[in-house]
PDB file of N, CA and C in Angstrom:
ATOM      1  N   VAL A   1     104.485 100.070 102.015  1.00  0.00           N
ATOM      2  CA  VAL A   1     104.305  99.505 103.348  1.00  0.00           C
ATOM      3  C   VAL A   1     103.127 100.203 104.017  1.00  0.00           C
ATOM      4  N   GLN A   2     102.175  99.425 104.445  1.00  0.00           N
ATOM      5  CA  GLN A   2     101.036  99.972 105.180  1.00  0.00           C
ATOM      6  C   GLN A   2     101.103  99.489 106.618  1.00  0.00           C
ATOM      7  N   LEU A   3     100.876 100.419 107.527  1.00  0.00           N
ATOM      8  CA  LEU A   3     100.953 100.118 108.952  1.00  0.00           C
ATOM      9  C   LEU A   3      99.616 100.438 109.602  1.00  0.00           C
ATOM     10  N   GLN A   4      99.112  99.507 110.376  1.00  0.00           N
ATOM     11  CA  GLN A   4      97.824  99.662 111.039  1.00  0.00           C
ATOM     12  C   GLN A   4      98.016  99.519 112.540  1.00  0.00           C
ATOM     13  N   ALA A   5      97.904 100.642 113.238  1.00  0.00           N
ATOM     14  CA  ALA A   5      98.095 100.637 114.687  1.00  0.00           C
ATOM     15  C   ALA A   5      96.759 100.482 115.399  1.00  0.00           C
ATOM     16  N   SER A   6      96.804  99.839 116.549  1.00  0.00           N
ATOM     17  CA  SER A   6      95.603  99.654 117.356  1.00  0.00           C
ATOM     18  C   SER A   6      95.990  99.486 118.813  1.00  0.00           C
ATOM     19  N   GLY A   7      94.994  99.525 119.684  1.00  0.00           N
ATOM     20  CA  GLY A   7      95.236  99.254 121.094  1.00  0.00           C
ATOM     21  C   GLY A   7      95.173 100.451 122.005  1.00  0.00           C
ATOM     22  N   GLY A   8      95.005 101.639 121.441  1.00  0.00           N
ATOM     23  CA  GLY A   8      94.908 102.818 122.292  1.00  0.00           C
ATOM     24  C   GLY A   8      93.621 102.821 123.092  1.00  0.00           C
ATOM     25  N   GLY A   9      93.559 103.716 124.043  1.00  0.00           N
ATOM     26  CA  GLY A   9      92.362 103.820 124.869  1.00  0.00           C
ATOM     27  C   GLY A   9      92.602 104.706 126.069  1.00  0.00           C
ATOM     28  N   SER A  10      91.677 104.638 127.001  1.00  0.00           N
ATOM     29  CA  SER A  10      91.777 105.435 128.222  1.00  0.00           C
ATOM     30  C   SER A  10      92.062 104.519 129.399  1.00  0.00           C
ATOM     31  N   VAL A  11      92.952 104.961 130.254  1.00  0.00           N
ATOM     32  CA  VAL A  11      93.352 104.151 131.411  1.00  0.00           C
ATOM     33  C   VAL A  11      93.730 105.092 132.547  1.00  0.00           C
ATOM     34  N   GLN A  12      93.621 104.605 133.752  1.00  0.00           N
ATOM     35  CA  GLN A  12      94.046 105.401 134.899  1.00  0.00           C
ATOM     36  C   GLN A  12      95.543 105.281 135.102  1.00  0.00           C
ATOM     37  N   ALA A  13      96.097 106.279 135.740  1.00  0.00           N
ATOM     38  CA  ALA A  13      97.526 106.256 136.044  1.00  0.00           C
ATOM     39  C   ALA A  13      97.877 104.978 136.796  1.00  0.00           C
ATOM     40  N   GLY A  14      99.006 104.396 136.410  1.00  0.00           N
ATOM     41  CA  GLY A  14      99.430 103.125 136.993  1.00  0.00           C
ATOM     42  C   GLY A  14      98.981 101.917 136.211  1.00  0.00           C
ATOM     43  N   GLY A  15      98.082 102.128 135.273  1.00  0.00           N
ATOM     44  CA  GLY A  15      97.569 101.028 134.474  1.00  0.00           C
ATOM     45  C   GLY A  15      98.463 100.674 133.307  1.00  0.00           C
ATOM     46  N   SER A  16      97.987  99.753 132.489  1.00  0.00           N
ATOM     47  CA  SER A  16      98.768  99.243 131.357  1.00  0.00           C
ATOM     48  C   SER A  16      97.922  99.219 130.091  1.00  0.00           C
ATOM     49  N   LEU A  17      98.611  99.335 128.977  1.00  0.00           N
ATOM     50  CA  LEU A  17      98.012  99.153 127.664  1.00  0.00           C
ATOM     51  C   LEU A  17      99.039  98.493 126.766  1.00  0.00           C
ATOM     52  N   ARG A  18      98.561  97.778 125.765  1.00  0.00           N
ATOM     53  CA  ARG A  18      99.464  97.231 124.765  1.00  0.00           C
ATOM     54  C   ARG A  18      99.018  97.702 123.391  1.00  0.00           C
ATOM     55  N   LEU A  19      99.913  98.367 122.709  1.00  0.00           N
ATOM     56  CA  LEU A  19      99.661  98.803 121.353  1.00  0.00           C
ATOM     57  C   LEU A  19     100.191  97.762 120.378  1.00  0.00           C
ATOM     58  N   SER A  20      99.501  97.634 119.262  1.00  0.00           N
ATOM     59  CA  SER A  20      99.930  96.724 118.209  1.00  0.00           C
ATOM     60  C   SER A  20      99.995  97.483 116.896  1.00  0.00           C
ATOM     61  N   CYS A  21     100.886  97.045 116.037  1.00  0.00           N
ATOM     62  CA  CYS A  21     101.009  97.646 114.711  1.00  0.00           C
ATOM     63  C   CYS A  21     101.274  96.527 113.719  1.00  0.00           C
ATOM     64  N   ALA A  22     100.311  96.299 112.842  1.00  0.00           N
ATOM     65  CA  ALA A  22     100.434  95.267 111.832  1.00  0.00           C
ATOM     66  C   ALA A  22     100.907  95.886 110.525  1.00  0.00           C
ATOM     67  N   ALA A  23     101.890  95.257 109.915  1.00  0.00           N
ATOM     68  CA  ALA A  23     102.461  95.766 108.673  1.00  0.00           C
ATOM     69  C   ALA A  23     102.107  94.857 107.509  1.00  0.00           C
ATOM     70  N   SER A  24     101.721  95.474 106.421  1.00  0.00           N
ATOM     71  CA  SER A  24     101.412  94.711 105.213  1.00  0.00           C
ATOM     72  C   SER A  24     102.610  94.805 104.282  1.00  0.00           C
ATOM     73  N   VAL A  25     103.563  93.942 104.502  1.00  0.00           N
ATOM     74  CA  VAL A  25     104.787  93.919 103.714  1.00  0.00           C
ATOM     75  C   VAL A  25     105.382  92.530 103.809  1.00  0.00           C
ATOM     76  N   ARG A  26     105.991  92.064 102.727  1.00  0.00           N
ATOM     77  CA  ARG A  26     106.570  90.718 102.721  1.00  0.00           C
ATOM     78  C   ARG A  26     107.876  90.667 103.496  1.00  0.00           C
ATOM     79  N   THR A  27     108.584  91.781 103.514  1.00  0.00           N
ATOM     80  CA  THR A  27     109.930  91.793 104.097  1.00  0.00           C
ATOM     81  C   THR A  27     109.940  92.431 105.481  1.00  0.00           C
ATOM     82  N   PHE A  28     108.920  92.129 106.270  1.00  0.00           N
ATOM     83  CA  PHE A  28     108.798  92.752 107.584  1.00  0.00           C
ATOM     84  C   PHE A  28     110.037  92.528 108.435  1.00  0.00           C
ATOM     85  N   ASP A  29     110.613  91.337 108.341  1.00  0.00           N
ATOM     86  CA  ASP A  29     111.730  91.007 109.225  1.00  0.00           C
ATOM     87  C   ASP A  29     112.982  91.822 108.914  1.00  0.00           C
ATOM     88  N   THR A  30     113.014  92.480 107.761  1.00  0.00           N
ATOM     89  CA  THR A  30     114.169  93.304 107.415  1.00  0.00           C
ATOM     90  C   THR A  30     113.999  94.764 107.840  1.00  0.00           C
ATOM     91  N   LEU A  31     112.816  95.113 108.304  1.00  0.00           N
ATOM     92  CA  LEU A  31     112.519  96.493 108.648  1.00  0.00           C
ATOM     93  C   LEU A  31     112.865  96.819 110.090  1.00  0.00           C
ATOM     94  N   ALA A  32     113.346  98.026 110.285  1.00  0.00           N
ATOM     95  CA  ALA A  32     113.400  98.595 111.624  1.00  0.00           C
ATOM     96  C   ALA A  32     112.014  99.164 111.933  1.00  0.00           C
ATOM     97  N   MET A  33     111.560  98.963 113.170  1.00  0.00           N
ATOM     98  CA  MET A  33     110.222  99.405 113.561  1.00  0.00           C
ATOM     99  C   MET A  33     110.319 100.318 114.772  1.00  0.00           C
ATOM    100  N   GLY A  34     109.340 101.182 114.906  1.00  0.00           N
ATOM    101  CA  GLY A  34     109.394 102.081 116.046  1.00  0.00           C
ATOM    102  C   GLY A  34     108.041 102.651 116.406  1.00  0.00           C
ATOM    103  N   TRP A  35     107.991 103.230 117.583  1.00  0.00           N
ATOM    104  CA  TRP A  35     106.826 103.947 118.066  1.00  0.00           C
ATOM    105  C   TRP A  35     107.239 105.373 118.406  1.00  0.00           C
ATOM    106  N   PHE A  36     106.406 106.290 117.978  1.00  0.00           N
ATOM    107  CA  PHE A  36     106.568 107.701 118.299  1.00  0.00           C
ATOM    108  C   PHE A  36     105.262 108.174 118.913  1.00  0.00           C
ATOM    109  N   ARG A  37     105.295 109.308 119.569  1.00  0.00           N
ATOM    110  CA  ARG A  37     104.056 109.854 120.115  1.00  0.00           C
ATOM    111  C   ARG A  37     104.047 111.369 120.009  1.00  0.00           C
ATOM    112  N   GLN A  38     102.844 111.907 119.979  1.00  0.00           N
ATOM    113  CA  GLN A  38     102.679 113.352 119.923  1.00  0.00           C
ATOM    114  C   GLN A  38     101.686 113.780 120.986  1.00  0.00           C
ATOM    115  N   PRO A  39     102.183 114.323 122.089  1.00  0.00           N
ATOM    116  CA  PRO A  39     101.279 114.819 123.139  1.00  0.00           C
ATOM    117  C   PRO A  39     100.523 116.047 122.643  1.00  0.00           C
ATOM    118  N   PRO A  40      99.412 116.363 123.241  1.00  0.00           N
ATOM    119  CA  PRO A  40      98.651 117.538 122.812  1.00  0.00           C
ATOM    120  C   PRO A  40      99.478 118.812 122.859  1.00  0.00           C
ATOM    121  N   GLY A  41      99.523 119.527 121.765  1.00  0.00           N
ATOM    122  CA  GLY A  41     100.233 120.792 121.704  1.00  0.00           C
ATOM    123  C   GLY A  41     101.743 120.688 121.631  1.00  0.00           C
ATOM    124  N   LYS A  42     102.250 119.469 121.451  1.00  0.00           N
ATOM    125  CA  LYS A  42     103.699 119.280 121.417  1.00  0.00           C
ATOM    126  C   LYS A  42     104.108 118.589 120.127  1.00  0.00           C
ATOM    127  N   GLU A  43     105.414 118.534 119.916  1.00  0.00           N
ATOM    128  CA  GLU A  43     105.927 117.891 118.721  1.00  0.00           C
ATOM    129  C   GLU A  43     105.988 116.376 118.907  1.00  0.00           C
ATOM    130  N   ARG A  44     106.037 115.696 117.792  1.00  0.00           N
ATOM    131  CA  ARG A  44     106.162 114.245 117.828  1.00  0.00           C
ATOM    132  C   ARG A  44     107.527 113.872 118.382  1.00  0.00           C
ATOM    133  N   GLU A  45     107.560 112.827 119.203  1.00  0.00           N
ATOM    134  CA  GLU A  45     108.820 112.403 119.828  1.00  0.00           C
ATOM    135  C   GLU A  45     108.976 110.894 119.736  1.00  0.00           C
ATOM    136  N   PHE A  46     110.219 110.477 119.762  1.00  0.00           N
ATOM    137  CA  PHE A  46     110.551 109.054 119.724  1.00  0.00           C
ATOM    138  C   PHE A  46     110.196 108.418 121.057  1.00  0.00           C
ATOM    139  N   VAL A  47     109.647 107.205 120.998  1.00  0.00           N
ATOM    140  CA  VAL A  47     109.325 106.450 122.202  1.00  0.00           C
ATOM    141  C   VAL A  47     110.200 105.201 122.304  1.00  0.00           C
ATOM    142  N   ALA A  48     110.180 104.376 121.266  1.00  0.00           N
ATOM    143  CA  ALA A  48     110.924 103.122 121.292  1.00  0.00           C
ATOM    144  C   ALA A  48     111.121 102.628 119.875  1.00  0.00           C
ATOM    145  N   GLY A  49     112.207 101.879 119.688  1.00  0.00           N
ATOM    146  CA  GLY A  49     112.488 101.326 118.380  1.00  0.00           C
ATOM    147  C   GLY A  49     113.127  99.963 118.504  1.00  0.00           C
ATOM    148  N   ILE A  50     112.990  99.189 117.442  1.00  0.00           N
ATOM    149  CA  ILE A  50     113.578  97.858 117.431  1.00  0.00           C
ATOM    150  C   ILE A  50     114.064  97.546 116.024  1.00  0.00           C
ATOM    151  N   SER A  51     115.273  97.003 115.973  1.00  0.00           N
ATOM    152  CA  SER A  51     115.864  96.589 114.705  1.00  0.00           C
ATOM    153  C   SER A  51     116.556  95.259 114.951  1.00  0.00           C
ATOM    154  N   GLY A  52     116.062  94.200 114.348  1.00  0.00           N
ATOM    155  CA  GLY A  52     116.560  92.882 114.677  1.00  0.00           C
ATOM    156  C   GLY A  52     116.259  92.584 116.139  1.00  0.00           C
ATOM    157  N   ASP A  53     117.275  92.246 116.890  1.00  0.00           N
ATOM    158  CA  ASP A  53     117.114  91.965 118.319  1.00  0.00           C
ATOM    159  C   ASP A  53     117.460  93.156 119.199  1.00  0.00           C
ATOM    160  N   ALA A  54     117.853  94.262 118.587  1.00  0.00           N
ATOM    161  CA  ALA A  54     118.258  95.426 119.363  1.00  0.00           C
ATOM    162  C   ALA A  54     117.095  96.390 119.510  1.00  0.00           C
ATOM    163  N   SER A  55     116.967  96.954 120.687  1.00  0.00           N
ATOM    164  CA  SER A  55     115.897  97.915 120.951  1.00  0.00           C
ATOM    165  C   SER A  55     116.456  99.121 121.698  1.00  0.00           C
ATOM    166  N   SER A  56     115.743 100.211 121.598  1.00  0.00           N
ATOM    167  CA  SER A  56     116.132 101.416 122.314  1.00  0.00           C
ATOM    168  C   SER A  56     114.882 102.159 122.753  1.00  0.00           C
ATOM    169  N   TYR A  57     115.043 102.994 123.775  1.00  0.00           N
ATOM    170  CA  TYR A  57     113.901 103.675 124.374  1.00  0.00           C
ATOM    171  C   TYR A  57     114.237 105.118 124.729  1.00  0.00           C
ATOM    172  N   ALA A  58     113.210 105.937 124.699  1.00  0.00           N
ATOM    173  CA  ALA A  58     113.361 107.273 125.249  1.00  0.00           C
ATOM    174  C   ALA A  58     113.550 107.155 126.758  1.00  0.00           C
ATOM    175  N   ASP A  59     114.325 108.062 127.325  1.00  0.00           N
ATOM    176  CA  ASP A  59     114.587 108.004 128.762  1.00  0.00           C
ATOM    177  C   ASP A  59     113.294 108.037 129.575  1.00  0.00           C
ATOM    178  N   SER A  60     112.302 108.741 129.072  1.00  0.00           N
ATOM    179  CA  SER A  60     111.065 108.922 129.828  1.00  0.00           C
ATOM    180  C   SER A  60     110.252 107.635 129.967  1.00  0.00           C
ATOM    181  N   VAL A  61     110.541 106.628 129.147  1.00  0.00           N
ATOM    182  CA  VAL A  61     109.743 105.401 129.202  1.00  0.00           C
ATOM    183  C   VAL A  61     110.572 104.176 129.586  1.00  0.00           C
ATOM    184  N   LYS A  62     111.873 104.340 129.729  1.00  0.00           N
ATOM    185  CA  LYS A  62     112.725 103.203 130.088  1.00  0.00           C
ATOM    186  C   LYS A  62     112.258 102.564 131.385  1.00  0.00           C
ATOM    187  N   GLY A  63     112.192 101.241 131.359  1.00  0.00           N
ATOM    188  CA  GLY A  63     111.762 100.519 132.551  1.00  0.00           C
ATOM    189  C   GLY A  63     110.256 100.375 132.671  1.00  0.00           C
ATOM    190  N   ARG A  64     109.511 101.102 131.859  1.00  0.00           N
ATOM    191  CA  ARG A  64     108.041 101.021 131.894  1.00  0.00           C
ATOM    192  C   ARG A  64     107.460 100.459 130.596  1.00  0.00           C
ATOM    193  N   PHE A  65     108.087 100.780 129.480  1.00  0.00           N
ATOM    194  CA  PHE A  65     107.597 100.345 128.172  1.00  0.00           C
ATOM    195  C   PHE A  65     108.531  99.278 127.610  1.00  0.00           C
ATOM    196  N   THR A  66     107.951  98.361 126.842  1.00  0.00           N
ATOM    197  CA  THR A  66     108.736  97.328 126.171  1.00  0.00           C
ATOM    198  C   THR A  66     108.254  97.184 124.740  1.00  0.00           C
ATOM    199  N   ILE A  67     109.184  97.291 123.805  1.00  0.00           N
ATOM    200  CA  ILE A  67     108.859  97.076 122.402  1.00  0.00           C
ATOM    201  C   ILE A  67     109.261  95.660 122.022  1.00  0.00           C
ATOM    202  N   SER A  68     108.435  95.017 121.210  1.00  0.00           N
ATOM    203  CA  SER A  68     108.747  93.671 120.747  1.00  0.00           C
ATOM    204  C   SER A  68     108.154  93.504 119.355  1.00  0.00           C
ATOM    205  N   ARG A  69     108.584  92.441 118.687  1.00  0.00           N
ATOM    206  CA  ARG A  69     108.092  92.203 117.339  1.00  0.00           C
ATOM    207  C   ARG A  69     107.851  90.725 117.124  1.00  0.00           C
ATOM    208  N   ASP A  70     106.914  90.425 116.269  1.00  0.00           N
ATOM    209  CA  ASP A  70     106.618  89.054 115.865  1.00  0.00           C
ATOM    210  C   ASP A  70     106.751  89.036 114.344  1.00  0.00           C
ATOM    211  N   ASP A  71     107.848  88.493 113.869  1.00  0.00           N
ATOM    212  CA  ASP A  71     108.115  88.515 112.434  1.00  0.00           C
ATOM    213  C   ASP A  71     107.250  87.517 111.667  1.00  0.00           C
ATOM    214  N   VAL A  72     106.564  86.633 112.362  1.00  0.00           N
ATOM    215  CA  VAL A  72     105.618  85.721 111.698  1.00  0.00           C
ATOM    216  C   VAL A  72     104.294  86.439 111.461  1.00  0.00           C
ATOM    217  N   LYS A  73     103.880  87.221 112.450  1.00  0.00           N
ATOM    218  CA  LYS A  73     102.624  87.957 112.347  1.00  0.00           C
ATOM    219  C   LYS A  73     102.802  89.342 111.731  1.00  0.00           C
ATOM    220  N   ASN A  74     104.039  89.701 111.405  1.00  0.00           N
ATOM    221  CA  ASN A  74     104.314  91.032 110.842  1.00  0.00           C
ATOM    222  C   ASN A  74     103.769  92.137 111.743  1.00  0.00           C
ATOM    223  N   THR A  75     104.017  91.986 113.007  1.00  0.00           N
ATOM    224  CA  THR A  75     103.440  92.916 113.982  1.00  0.00           C
ATOM    225  C   THR A  75     104.501  93.355 114.991  1.00  0.00           C
ATOM    226  N   VAL A  76     104.434  94.616 115.353  1.00  0.00           N
ATOM    227  CA  VAL A  76     105.270  95.142 116.423  1.00  0.00           C
ATOM    228  C   VAL A  76     104.347  95.604 117.549  1.00  0.00           C
ATOM    229  N   TYR A  77     104.806  95.421 118.766  1.00  0.00           N
ATOM    230  CA  TYR A  77     104.000  95.730 119.941  1.00  0.00           C
ATOM    231  C   TYR A  77     104.707  96.762 120.818  1.00  0.00           C
ATOM    232  N   LEU A  78     103.921  97.468 121.573  1.00  0.00           N
ATOM    233  CA  LEU A  78     104.462  98.342 122.605  1.00  0.00           C
ATOM    234  C   LEU A  78     103.669  98.081 123.881  1.00  0.00           C
ATOM    235  N   GLN A  79     104.288  97.376 124.814  1.00  0.00           N
ATOM    236  CA  GLN A  79     103.675  97.131 126.104  1.00  0.00           C
ATOM    237  C   GLN A  79     103.988  98.312 127.011  1.00  0.00           C
ATOM    238  N   MET A  80     102.955  98.955 127.493  1.00  0.00           N
ATOM    239  CA  MET A  80     103.129 100.155 128.308  1.00  0.00           C
ATOM    240  C   MET A  80     102.587  99.881 129.705  1.00  0.00           C
ATOM    241  N   ASN A  81     103.491  99.892 130.666  1.00  0.00           N
ATOM    242  CA  ASN A  81     103.120  99.653 132.062  1.00  0.00           C
ATOM    243  C   ASN A  81     103.344 100.910 132.886  1.00  0.00           C
ATOM    244  N   ARG A  82     102.729 100.946 134.044  1.00  0.00           N
ATOM    245  CA  ARG A  82     102.866 102.074 134.973  1.00  0.00           C
ATOM    246  C   ARG A  82     102.680 103.392 134.247  1.00  0.00           C
ATOM    247  N   LEU A  83     101.596 103.468 133.503  1.00  0.00           N
ATOM    248  CA  LEU A  83     101.330 104.657 132.706  1.00  0.00           C
ATOM    249  C   LEU A  83     101.125 105.877 133.577  1.00  0.00           C
ATOM    250  N   GLU A  84     101.557 106.998 133.059  1.00  0.00           N
ATOM    251  CA  GLU A  84     101.464 108.280 133.742  1.00  0.00           C
ATOM    252  C   GLU A  84     100.659 109.246 132.873  1.00  0.00           C
ATOM    253  N   PRO A  85     100.053 110.248 133.479  1.00  0.00           N
ATOM    254  CA  PRO A  85      99.302 111.231 132.670  1.00  0.00           C
ATOM    255  C   PRO A  85     100.160 111.840 131.561  1.00  0.00           C
ATOM    256  N   GLU A  86     101.463 111.959 131.813  1.00  0.00           N
ATOM    257  CA  GLU A  86     102.374 112.536 130.805  1.00  0.00           C
ATOM    258  C   GLU A  86     102.541 111.633 129.586  1.00  0.00           C
ATOM    259  N   ASP A  87     102.094 110.399 129.679  1.00  0.00           N
ATOM    260  CA  ASP A  87     102.155 109.485 128.536  1.00  0.00           C
ATOM    261  C   ASP A  87     100.985 109.682 127.582  1.00  0.00           C
ATOM    262  N   SER A  88     100.036 110.510 127.962  1.00  0.00           N
ATOM    263  CA  SER A  88      98.887 110.769 127.096  1.00  0.00           C
ATOM    264  C   SER A  88      99.355 111.403 125.790  1.00  0.00           C
ATOM    265  N   ALA A  89      98.956 110.806 124.689  1.00  0.00           N
ATOM    266  CA  ALA A  89      99.411 111.275 123.376  1.00  0.00           C
ATOM    267  C   ALA A  89      98.745 110.433 122.299  1.00  0.00           C
ATOM    268  N   VAL A  90      98.940 110.875 121.079  1.00  0.00           N
ATOM    269  CA  VAL A  90      98.626 110.012 119.937  1.00  0.00           C
ATOM    270  C   VAL A  90      99.905 109.258 119.606  1.00  0.00           C
ATOM    271  N   TYR A  91      99.806 107.953 119.586  1.00  0.00           N
ATOM    272  CA  TYR A  91     100.970 107.096 119.334  1.00  0.00           C
ATOM    273  C   TYR A  91     100.953 106.641 117.879  1.00  0.00           C
ATOM    274  N   TYR A  92     102.121 106.753 117.254  1.00  0.00           N
ATOM    275  CA  TYR A  92     102.274 106.405 115.850  1.00  0.00           C
ATOM    276  C   TYR A  92     103.282 105.264 115.699  1.00  0.00           C
ATOM    277  N   CYS A  93     102.940 104.335 114.848  1.00  0.00           N
ATOM    278  CA  CYS A  93     103.849 103.273 114.467  1.00  0.00           C
ATOM    279  C   CYS A  93     104.624 103.723 113.231  1.00  0.00           C
ATOM    280  N   ALA A  94     105.894 103.377 113.160  1.00  0.00           N
ATOM    281  CA  ALA A  94     106.718 103.763 112.025  1.00  0.00           C
ATOM    282  C   ALA A  94     107.640 102.627 111.630  1.00  0.00           C
ATOM    283  N   ALA A  95     108.082 102.664 110.383  1.00  0.00           N
ATOM    284  CA  ALA A  95     108.958 101.616 109.883  1.00  0.00           C
ATOM    285  C   ALA A  95     109.936 102.211 108.889  1.00  0.00           C
ATOM    286  N   GLY A  96     111.030 101.514 108.683  1.00  0.00           N
ATOM    287  CA  GLY A  96     112.001 101.965 107.714  1.00  0.00           C
ATOM    288  C   GLY A  96     113.039 100.905 107.439  1.00  0.00           C
ATOM    289  N   PRO A  97     113.792 101.064 106.360  1.00  0.00           N
ATOM    290  CA  PRO A  97     114.799 100.066 106.007  1.00  0.00           C
ATOM    291  C   PRO A  97     115.999 100.091 106.949  1.00  0.00           C
ATOM    292  N   ARG A  98     116.143 101.173 107.688  1.00  0.00           N
ATOM    293  CA  ARG A  98     117.258 101.281 108.625  1.00  0.00           C
ATOM    294  C   ARG A  98     116.826 102.127 109.806  1.00  0.00           C
ATOM    295  N   TYR A  99     117.656 102.145 110.812  1.00  0.00           N
ATOM    296  CA  TYR A  99     117.366 102.895 112.027  1.00  0.00           C
ATOM    297  C   TYR A  99     117.818 104.343 111.864  1.00  0.00           C
ATOM    298  N   PRO A 100     117.071 105.327 112.315  1.00  0.00           N
ATOM    299  CA  PRO A 100     115.750 105.231 112.937  1.00  0.00           C
ATOM    300  C   PRO A 100     114.648 105.027 111.902  1.00  0.00           C
ATOM    301  N   PRO A 101     113.614 104.326 112.265  1.00  0.00           N
ATOM    302  CA  PRO A 101     112.549 103.988 111.323  1.00  0.00           C
ATOM    303  C   PRO A 101     111.562 105.132 111.130  1.00  0.00           C
ATOM    304  N   THR A 102     111.766 105.917 110.105  1.00  0.00           N
ATOM    305  CA  THR A 102     110.905 107.081 109.900  1.00  0.00           C
ATOM    306  C   THR A 102     110.391 107.197 108.475  1.00  0.00           C
ATOM    307  N   ARG A 103     110.535 106.149 107.674  1.00  0.00           N
ATOM    308  CA  ARG A 103     110.106 106.281 106.285  1.00  0.00           C
ATOM    309  C   ARG A 103     108.607 106.067 106.120  1.00  0.00           C
ATOM    310  N   TYR A 104     108.079 105.100 106.815  1.00  0.00           N
ATOM    311  CA  TYR A 104     106.665 104.775 106.661  1.00  0.00           C
ATOM    312  C   TYR A 104     105.955 105.010 107.997  1.00  0.00           C
ATOM    313  N   TRP A 105     104.739 105.550 107.894  1.00  0.00           N
ATOM    314  CA  TRP A 105     103.996 105.883 109.106  1.00  0.00           C
ATOM    315  C   TRP A 105     102.595 105.298 109.050  1.00  0.00           C
ATOM    316  N   GLY A 106     102.136 104.839 110.182  1.00  0.00           N
ATOM    317  CA  GLY A 106     100.754 104.404 110.310  1.00  0.00           C
ATOM    318  C   GLY A 106      99.895 105.536 110.846  1.00  0.00           C
ATOM    319  N   GLN A 107      98.615 105.288 110.905  1.00  0.00           N
ATOM    320  CA  GLN A 107      97.728 106.273 111.528  1.00  0.00           C
ATOM    321  C   GLN A 107      97.924 106.206 113.033  1.00  0.00           C
ATOM    322  N   GLY A 108      97.604 107.216 113.722  1.00  0.00           N
ATOM    323  CA  GLY A 108      97.837 107.242 115.155  1.00  0.00           C
ATOM    324  C   GLY A 108      96.748 106.516 115.934  1.00  0.00           C
ATOM    325  N   THR A 109      97.107 106.132 117.137  1.00  0.00           N
ATOM    326  CA  THR A 109      96.135 105.583 118.078  1.00  0.00           C
ATOM    327  C   THR A 109      96.285 106.372 119.380  1.00  0.00           C
ATOM    328  N   LYS A 110      95.166 106.826 119.909  1.00  0.00           N
ATOM    329  CA  LYS A 110      95.208 107.755 121.023  1.00  0.00           C
ATOM    330  C   LYS A 110      95.242 107.031 122.359  1.00  0.00           C
ATOM    331  N   VAL A 111      96.123 107.506 123.221  1.00  0.00           N
ATOM    332  CA  VAL A 111      96.234 106.990 124.576  1.00  0.00           C
ATOM    333  C   VAL A 111      95.966 108.138 125.543  1.00  0.00           C
ATOM    334  N   THR A 112      95.047 107.923 126.448  1.00  0.00           N
ATOM    335  CA  THR A 112      94.724 108.925 127.455  1.00  0.00           C
ATOM    336  C   THR A 112      94.893 108.301 128.832  1.00  0.00           C
ATOM    337  N   VAL A 113      95.725 108.928 129.646  1.00  0.00           N
ATOM    338  CA  VAL A 113      95.971 108.445 130.999  1.00  0.00           C
ATOM    339  C   VAL A 113      95.464 109.495 131.977  1.00  0.00           C
ATOM    340  N   SER A 114      94.527 109.101 132.801  1.00  0.00           N
ATOM    341  CA  SER A 114      93.950 110.031 133.771  1.00  0.00           C
ATOM    342  C   SER A 114      94.570 109.818 135.150  1.00  0.00           C
ATOM    343  N   SER A 115      94.679 110.894 135.877  1.00  0.00           N
ATOM    344  CA  SER A 115      95.294 110.814 137.214  1.00  0.00           C
ATOM    345  C   SER A 115      94.265 110.467 138.278  1.00  0.00           C
TER     346      SER A 115
END
């Protein structure tokens, strides 16, 4: 499984970004998908995950971020609204046969939020 993340960039606090992760796999619809992030100098942490129609979020992003998937396009998205400087990190897409999705990892995409 190969995962290609995109959509990172620089934005001011309060702004929005949408991350995308395209998967090269035939059985995308059977995979659990997720987003993790690693802030500078910190460990990687869970952000959001989706398996079938069920999704879950880290408390720090609930109400601001939305994860979704398009099983036709083999793509998972992370819509990030009301971004805060604390959201600055390298964001990683991940996938797996079951939850939590940590078996396969994409390259990171950097998000920088300025105050």
